[in-house]
Amino acid sequence: MEYLIAAIALGLVGLFFTLSRKKKIPLSAKPRIRKLASHIDTVSDPSAKVLEADKVLHEAFKALGSKGSMGDLLKRFGSKLPNEQAVWNAHKLRNRIAHEPMMSVSTQDAEVAVAALLKAVYSLL
């Protein structure tokens, strides 16, 4: 009986550590994600920078083996990011840029959004 209790306890501890461990992008995909992230620095238009940074985070999620829209992925994995709310705000800005034809983004707002998205990307690397 004592062995059974010890085995169950050990199994629960192992399960806890497996579930709490942060999932990382596979080593083979990291160079591609880093290259996509570094490309953002070459984009001069603030709106385009936000769109590109959002794409990089989406690619990072896909490299983890996740599928779905960015909104769905954020709902599923946002709590694992160090800056969940900032990423949501950046993604909402991205949606406004993509869906509101006359949307204009300040350089400062774009920088905040891009920084949040890239912080999330690098937390997955």
N, C-alpha and C. Protein backbone atom coordinates (compact mmCIF):
# COMPACT_ATOMS: atom_id res chain seq x y z
N MET A 1 0.82 -1.20 0.00
CA MET A 1 0.00 0.00 0.00
C MET A 1 0.87 1.27 0.00
N GLU A 2 1.93 1.25 0.82
CA GLU A 2 2.82 2.41 0.89
C GLU A 2 3.48 2.67 -0.46
N TYR A 3 3.83 1.58 -1.16
CA TYR A 3 4.45 1.72 -2.47
C TYR A 3 3.48 2.33 -3.48
N LEU A 4 2.23 1.96 -3.39
CA LEU A 4 1.21 2.50 -4.29
C LEU A 4 1.04 3.99 -4.06
N ILE A 5 0.97 4.40 -2.81
CA ILE A 5 0.83 5.84 -2.48
C ILE A 5 2.05 6.59 -2.95
N ALA A 6 3.23 6.05 -2.74
CA ALA A 6 4.47 6.71 -3.18
C ALA A 6 4.51 6.81 -4.70
N ALA A 7 4.08 5.75 -5.39
CA ALA A 7 4.08 5.77 -6.85
C ALA A 7 3.09 6.81 -7.38
N ILE A 8 1.93 6.90 -6.78
CA ILE A 8 0.94 7.90 -7.20
C ILE A 8 1.46 9.30 -6.96
N ALA A 9 2.06 9.52 -5.78
CA ALA A 9 2.60 10.84 -5.45
C ALA A 9 3.71 11.22 -6.43
N LEU A 10 4.58 10.29 -6.72
CA LEU A 10 5.67 10.54 -7.66
C LEU A 10 5.12 10.84 -9.05
N GLY A 11 4.10 10.10 -9.45
CA GLY A 11 3.47 10.34 -10.75
C GLY A 11 2.83 11.72 -10.82
N LEU A 12 2.18 12.15 -9.75
CA LEU A 12 1.56 13.47 -9.72
C LEU A 12 2.59 14.58 -9.77
N VAL A 13 3.71 14.38 -9.07
CA VAL A 13 4.79 15.38 -9.12
C VAL A 13 5.34 15.47 -10.54
N GLY A 14 5.57 14.34 -11.18
CA GLY A 14 6.05 14.34 -12.56
C GLY A 14 5.08 15.00 -13.51
N LEU A 15 3.80 14.73 -13.33
CA LEU A 15 2.77 15.35 -14.16
C LEU A 15 2.76 16.86 -13.97
N PHE A 16 2.89 17.30 -12.73
CA PHE A 16 2.91 18.74 -12.44
C PHE A 16 4.06 19.41 -13.17
N PHE A 17 5.25 18.84 -13.08
CA PHE A 17 6.41 19.45 -13.73
C PHE A 17 6.29 19.41 -15.25
N THR A 18 5.71 18.37 -15.79
CA THR A 18 5.50 18.28 -17.24
C THR A 18 4.52 19.35 -17.71
N LEU A 19 3.43 19.54 -16.99
CA LEU A 19 2.42 20.52 -17.38
C LEU A 19 2.87 21.95 -17.14
N SER A 20 3.68 22.17 -16.11
CA SER A 20 4.08 23.53 -15.79
C SER A 20 5.28 24.00 -16.61
N ARG A 21 5.96 23.05 -17.25
CA ARG A 21 7.12 23.41 -18.07
C ARG A 21 6.68 24.22 -19.28
N LYS A 22 7.40 25.27 -19.55
CA LYS A 22 7.08 26.15 -20.65
C LYS A 22 7.51 25.50 -21.97
N LYS A 23 6.61 25.48 -22.92
CA LYS A 23 6.91 24.91 -24.23
C LYS A 23 7.78 25.89 -25.01
N LYS A 24 8.81 25.38 -25.65
CA LYS A 24 9.74 26.21 -26.41
C LYS A 24 9.70 25.81 -27.89
N ILE A 25 10.05 26.76 -28.72
CA ILE A 25 10.15 26.53 -30.16
C ILE A 25 11.29 25.55 -30.42
N PRO A 26 11.07 24.56 -31.30
CA PRO A 26 12.14 23.60 -31.60
C PRO A 26 13.39 24.30 -32.13
N LEU A 27 14.52 23.75 -31.79
CA LEU A 27 15.81 24.32 -32.17
C LEU A 27 15.90 24.55 -33.68
N SER A 28 15.34 23.66 -34.46
CA SER A 28 15.42 23.78 -35.92
C SER A 28 14.64 24.98 -36.47
N ALA A 29 13.64 25.46 -35.74
CA ALA A 29 12.82 26.59 -36.21
C ALA A 29 13.32 27.94 -35.69
N LYS A 30 14.18 27.92 -34.69
CA LYS A 30 14.62 29.18 -34.08
C LYS A 30 15.30 30.15 -35.04
N PRO A 31 16.21 29.69 -35.91
CA PRO A 31 16.85 30.65 -36.83
C PRO A 31 15.84 31.36 -37.74
N ARG A 32 14.85 30.62 -38.21
CA ARG A 32 13.83 31.22 -39.09
C ARG A 32 13.02 32.27 -38.34
N ILE A 33 12.64 31.99 -37.11
CA ILE A 33 11.87 32.94 -36.32
C ILE A 33 12.71 34.17 -36.01
N ARG A 34 13.97 33.96 -35.66
CA ARG A 34 14.87 35.10 -35.38
C ARG A 34 15.05 35.97 -36.62
N LYS A 35 15.18 35.34 -37.78
CA LYS A 35 15.35 36.08 -39.03
C LYS A 35 14.10 36.92 -39.32
N LEU A 36 12.92 36.33 -39.13
CA LEU A 36 11.67 37.07 -39.33
C LEU A 36 11.59 38.25 -38.36
N ALA A 37 12.00 38.03 -37.12
CA ALA A 37 11.96 39.10 -36.12
C ALA A 37 12.94 40.22 -36.47
N SER A 38 14.12 39.87 -36.94
CA SER A 38 15.11 40.91 -37.27
C SER A 38 14.69 41.71 -38.50
N HIS A 39 13.89 41.12 -39.37
CA HIS A 39 13.41 41.81 -40.57
C HIS A 39 12.55 43.02 -40.19
N ILE A 40 11.90 42.97 -39.06
CA ILE A 40 11.00 44.07 -38.65
C ILE A 40 11.75 45.39 -38.56
N ASP A 41 13.02 45.34 -38.18
CA ASP A 41 13.81 46.57 -38.08
C ASP A 41 13.97 47.27 -39.42
N THR A 42 13.83 46.55 -40.52
CA THR A 42 14.00 47.14 -41.84
C THR A 42 12.73 47.80 -42.37
N VAL A 43 11.62 47.59 -41.67
CA VAL A 43 10.34 48.14 -42.11
C VAL A 43 10.21 49.55 -41.54
N SER A 44 9.92 50.51 -42.40
CA SER A 44 9.86 51.91 -41.94
C SER A 44 8.44 52.37 -41.59
N ASP A 45 7.44 51.84 -42.25
CA ASP A 45 6.06 52.26 -42.00
C ASP A 45 5.57 51.68 -40.67
N PRO A 46 5.10 52.53 -39.74
CA PRO A 46 4.65 52.04 -38.43
C PRO A 46 3.55 50.98 -38.51
N SER A 47 2.59 51.18 -39.38
CA SER A 47 1.50 50.20 -39.52
C SER A 47 2.03 48.86 -40.01
N ALA A 48 2.91 48.90 -40.99
CA ALA A 48 3.48 47.68 -41.53
C ALA A 48 4.32 46.95 -40.49
N LYS A 49 5.01 47.71 -39.64
CA LYS A 49 5.80 47.09 -38.57
C LYS A 49 4.93 46.28 -37.63
N VAL A 50 3.79 46.84 -37.26
CA VAL A 50 2.87 46.13 -36.36
C VAL A 50 2.36 44.86 -37.03
N LEU A 51 1.97 44.98 -38.31
CA LEU A 51 1.49 43.81 -39.04
C LEU A 51 2.56 42.71 -39.11
N GLU A 52 3.78 43.10 -39.38
CA GLU A 52 4.88 42.14 -39.49
C GLU A 52 5.18 41.49 -38.14
N ALA A 53 5.20 42.27 -37.08
CA ALA A 53 5.49 41.71 -35.75
C ALA A 53 4.42 40.72 -35.33
N ASP A 54 3.17 41.02 -35.63
CA ASP A 54 2.08 40.10 -35.32
C ASP A 54 2.26 38.79 -36.10
N LYS A 55 2.69 38.90 -37.36
CA LYS A 55 2.94 37.70 -38.17
C LYS A 55 4.05 36.84 -37.56
N VAL A 56 5.08 37.50 -37.03
CA VAL A 56 6.19 36.75 -36.45
C VAL A 56 5.72 35.95 -35.23
N LEU A 57 4.90 36.58 -34.38
CA LEU A 57 4.38 35.84 -33.22
C LEU A 57 3.50 34.68 -33.68
N HIS A 58 2.70 34.92 -34.71
CA HIS A 58 1.87 33.84 -35.25
C HIS A 58 2.75 32.69 -35.75
N GLU A 59 3.83 33.02 -36.44
CA GLU A 59 4.77 32.00 -36.92
C GLU A 59 5.41 31.25 -35.75
N ALA A 60 5.70 31.97 -34.68
CA ALA A 60 6.28 31.32 -33.50
C ALA A 60 5.30 30.32 -32.90
N PHE A 61 4.04 30.71 -32.81
CA PHE A 61 3.02 29.78 -32.32
C PHE A 61 2.92 28.56 -33.24
N LYS A 62 2.98 28.80 -34.55
CA LYS A 62 2.90 27.68 -35.50
C LYS A 62 4.11 26.76 -35.36
N ALA A 63 5.27 27.34 -35.05
CA ALA A 63 6.47 26.53 -34.86
C ALA A 63 6.34 25.63 -33.63
N LEU A 64 5.50 26.02 -32.70
CA LEU A 64 5.23 25.19 -31.53
C LEU A 64 4.26 24.06 -31.85
N GLY A 65 3.73 24.07 -33.07
CA GLY A 65 2.80 23.04 -33.48
C GLY A 65 1.35 23.44 -33.29
N SER A 66 1.11 24.71 -33.03
CA SER A 66 -0.25 25.20 -32.79
C SER A 66 -0.86 25.72 -34.08
N LYS A 67 -2.15 25.51 -34.22
CA LYS A 67 -2.86 25.99 -35.40
C LYS A 67 -4.03 26.84 -34.96
N GLY A 68 -4.46 27.70 -35.87
CA GLY A 68 -5.62 28.54 -35.60
C GLY A 68 -5.30 29.99 -35.85
N SER A 69 -6.31 30.82 -35.67
CA SER A 69 -6.11 32.26 -35.84
C SER A 69 -5.30 32.78 -34.67
N MET A 70 -4.75 33.95 -34.85
CA MET A 70 -3.95 34.56 -33.79
C MET A 70 -4.80 34.76 -32.54
N GLY A 71 -6.03 35.19 -32.70
CA GLY A 71 -6.92 35.37 -31.55
C GLY A 71 -7.13 34.06 -30.80
N ASP A 72 -7.36 32.98 -31.53
CA ASP A 72 -7.54 31.67 -30.90
C ASP A 72 -6.29 31.23 -30.16
N LEU A 73 -5.14 31.46 -30.79
CA LEU A 73 -3.87 31.08 -30.16
C LEU A 73 -3.61 31.89 -28.90
N LEU A 74 -3.94 33.16 -28.93
CA LEU A 74 -3.76 33.99 -27.73
C LEU A 74 -4.70 33.55 -26.61
N LYS A 75 -5.90 33.15 -26.97
CA LYS A 75 -6.83 32.64 -25.95
C LYS A 75 -6.27 31.38 -25.29
N ARG A 76 -5.66 30.52 -26.12
CA ARG A 76 -5.13 29.25 -25.61
C ARG A 76 -3.83 29.41 -24.85
N PHE A 77 -2.92 30.25 -25.37
CA PHE A 77 -1.56 30.29 -24.83
C PHE A 77 -1.14 31.64 -24.24
N GLY A 78 -2.03 32.61 -24.28
CA GLY A 78 -1.68 33.94 -23.80
C GLY A 78 -1.19 33.97 -22.37
N SER A 79 -1.77 33.14 -21.53
CA SER A 79 -1.37 33.14 -20.12
C SER A 79 0.05 32.64 -19.92
N LYS A 80 0.61 31.99 -20.92
CA LYS A 80 2.00 31.52 -20.85
C LYS A 80 3.01 32.61 -21.22
N LEU A 81 2.52 33.71 -21.77
CA LEU A 81 3.39 34.81 -22.18
C LEU A 81 3.65 35.73 -21.00
N PRO A 82 4.84 36.36 -20.96
CA PRO A 82 5.16 37.24 -19.83
C PRO A 82 4.39 38.57 -19.87
N ASN A 83 3.78 38.87 -21.00
CA ASN A 83 3.11 40.16 -21.19
C ASN A 83 1.79 39.99 -21.94
N GLU A 84 0.96 39.14 -21.43
CA GLU A 84 -0.28 38.75 -22.12
C GLU A 84 -1.13 39.95 -22.53
N GLN A 85 -1.39 40.86 -21.61
CA GLN A 85 -2.28 41.99 -21.93
C GLN A 85 -1.68 42.90 -22.99
N ALA A 86 -0.38 43.14 -22.91
CA ALA A 86 0.28 43.98 -23.92
C ALA A 86 0.21 43.33 -25.30
N VAL A 87 0.31 42.01 -25.36
CA VAL A 87 0.21 41.31 -26.64
C VAL A 87 -1.20 41.41 -27.18
N TRP A 88 -2.19 41.26 -26.30
CA TRP A 88 -3.58 41.43 -26.75
C TRP A 88 -3.79 42.83 -27.30
N ASN A 89 -3.28 43.83 -26.61
CA ASN A 89 -3.43 45.22 -27.08
C ASN A 89 -2.77 45.40 -28.45
N ALA A 90 -1.60 44.81 -28.62
CA ALA A 90 -0.89 44.92 -29.90
C ALA A 90 -1.67 44.20 -31.01
N HIS A 91 -2.24 43.05 -30.69
CA HIS A 91 -3.00 42.32 -31.69
C HIS A 91 -4.29 43.08 -32.06
N LYS A 92 -4.90 43.71 -31.08
CA LYS A 92 -6.09 44.52 -31.38
C LYS A 92 -5.73 45.69 -32.29
N LEU A 93 -4.56 46.30 -32.05
CA LEU A 93 -4.09 47.38 -32.93
C LEU A 93 -3.87 46.81 -34.33
N ARG A 94 -3.27 45.65 -34.42
CA ARG A 94 -3.06 45.00 -35.72
C ARG A 94 -4.37 44.81 -36.45
N ASN A 95 -5.39 44.36 -35.72
CA ASN A 95 -6.70 44.16 -36.35
C ASN A 95 -7.29 45.46 -36.85
N ARG A 96 -7.14 46.51 -36.09
CA ARG A 96 -7.64 47.82 -36.55
C ARG A 96 -6.91 48.27 -37.81
N ILE A 97 -5.60 48.07 -37.84
CA ILE A 97 -4.82 48.45 -39.02
C ILE A 97 -5.31 47.64 -40.23
N ALA A 98 -5.52 46.37 -40.03
CA ALA A 98 -5.89 45.48 -41.14
C ALA A 98 -7.32 45.70 -41.63
N HIS A 99 -8.22 46.15 -40.74
CA HIS A 99 -9.64 46.19 -41.10
C HIS A 99 -10.25 47.58 -41.19
N GLU A 100 -9.53 48.59 -40.75
CA GLU A 100 -10.04 49.96 -40.87
C GLU A 100 -9.18 50.70 -41.89
N PRO A 101 -9.73 50.95 -43.08
CA PRO A 101 -8.95 51.51 -44.19
C PRO A 101 -8.20 52.81 -43.88
N MET A 102 -8.77 53.68 -43.09
CA MET A 102 -8.14 54.97 -42.85
C MET A 102 -7.36 55.01 -41.54
N MET A 103 -7.09 53.85 -40.96
CA MET A 103 -6.39 53.77 -39.68
C MET A 103 -4.96 54.25 -39.82
N SER A 104 -4.58 55.18 -38.94
CA SER A 104 -3.21 55.68 -38.93
C SER A 104 -2.61 55.39 -37.56
N VAL A 105 -1.39 54.93 -37.55
CA VAL A 105 -0.73 54.55 -36.30
C VAL A 105 0.48 55.45 -36.08
N SER A 106 0.59 55.98 -34.87
CA SER A 106 1.76 56.80 -34.56
C SER A 106 2.98 55.91 -34.42
N THR A 107 4.14 56.49 -34.60
CA THR A 107 5.39 55.75 -34.44
C THR A 107 5.50 55.20 -33.03
N GLN A 108 5.09 56.00 -32.06
CA GLN A 108 5.18 55.58 -30.66
C GLN A 108 4.26 54.39 -30.37
N ASP A 109 3.01 54.45 -30.84
CA ASP A 109 2.08 53.33 -30.63
C ASP A 109 2.59 52.06 -31.31
N ALA A 110 3.16 52.22 -32.50
CA ALA A 110 3.71 51.08 -33.22
C ALA A 110 4.89 50.48 -32.46
N GLU A 111 5.76 51.33 -31.92
CA GLU A 111 6.91 50.84 -31.18
C GLU A 111 6.49 50.04 -29.95
N VAL A 112 5.47 50.53 -29.25
CA VAL A 112 4.97 49.83 -28.06
C VAL A 112 4.41 48.46 -28.46
N ALA A 113 3.63 48.43 -29.52
CA ALA A 113 3.02 47.18 -29.98
C ALA A 113 4.08 46.20 -30.46
N VAL A 114 5.02 46.67 -31.25
CA VAL A 114 6.08 45.80 -31.77
C VAL A 114 6.93 45.25 -30.62
N ALA A 115 7.25 46.09 -29.67
CA ALA A 115 8.05 45.63 -28.52
C ALA A 115 7.31 44.53 -27.75
N ALA A 116 6.01 44.69 -27.56
CA ALA A 116 5.23 43.68 -26.85
C ALA A 116 5.21 42.36 -27.62
N LEU A 117 4.99 42.44 -28.92
CA LEU A 117 4.92 41.23 -29.74
C LEU A 117 6.27 40.51 -29.78
N LEU A 118 7.35 41.28 -29.92
CA LEU A 118 8.66 40.65 -29.97
C LEU A 118 9.07 40.08 -28.62
N LYS A 119 8.69 40.73 -27.54
CA LYS A 119 8.97 40.17 -26.20
C LYS A 119 8.30 38.80 -26.07
N ALA A 120 7.08 38.69 -26.57
CA ALA A 120 6.39 37.41 -26.53
C ALA A 120 7.11 36.38 -27.41
N VAL A 121 7.54 36.79 -28.59
CA VAL A 121 8.26 35.88 -29.48
C VAL A 121 9.53 35.36 -28.78
N TYR A 122 10.32 36.27 -28.24
CA TYR A 122 11.58 35.86 -27.63
C TYR A 122 11.37 35.01 -26.37
N SER A 123 10.23 35.17 -25.72
CA SER A 123 9.94 34.32 -24.56
C SER A 123 9.67 32.88 -24.97
N LEU A 124 9.32 32.67 -26.23
CA LEU A 124 9.06 31.33 -26.74
C LEU A 124 10.30 30.66 -27.32
N LEU A 125 11.36 31.45 -27.57
CA LEU A 125 12.58 30.91 -28.15
C LEU A 125 13.41 30.15 -27.12
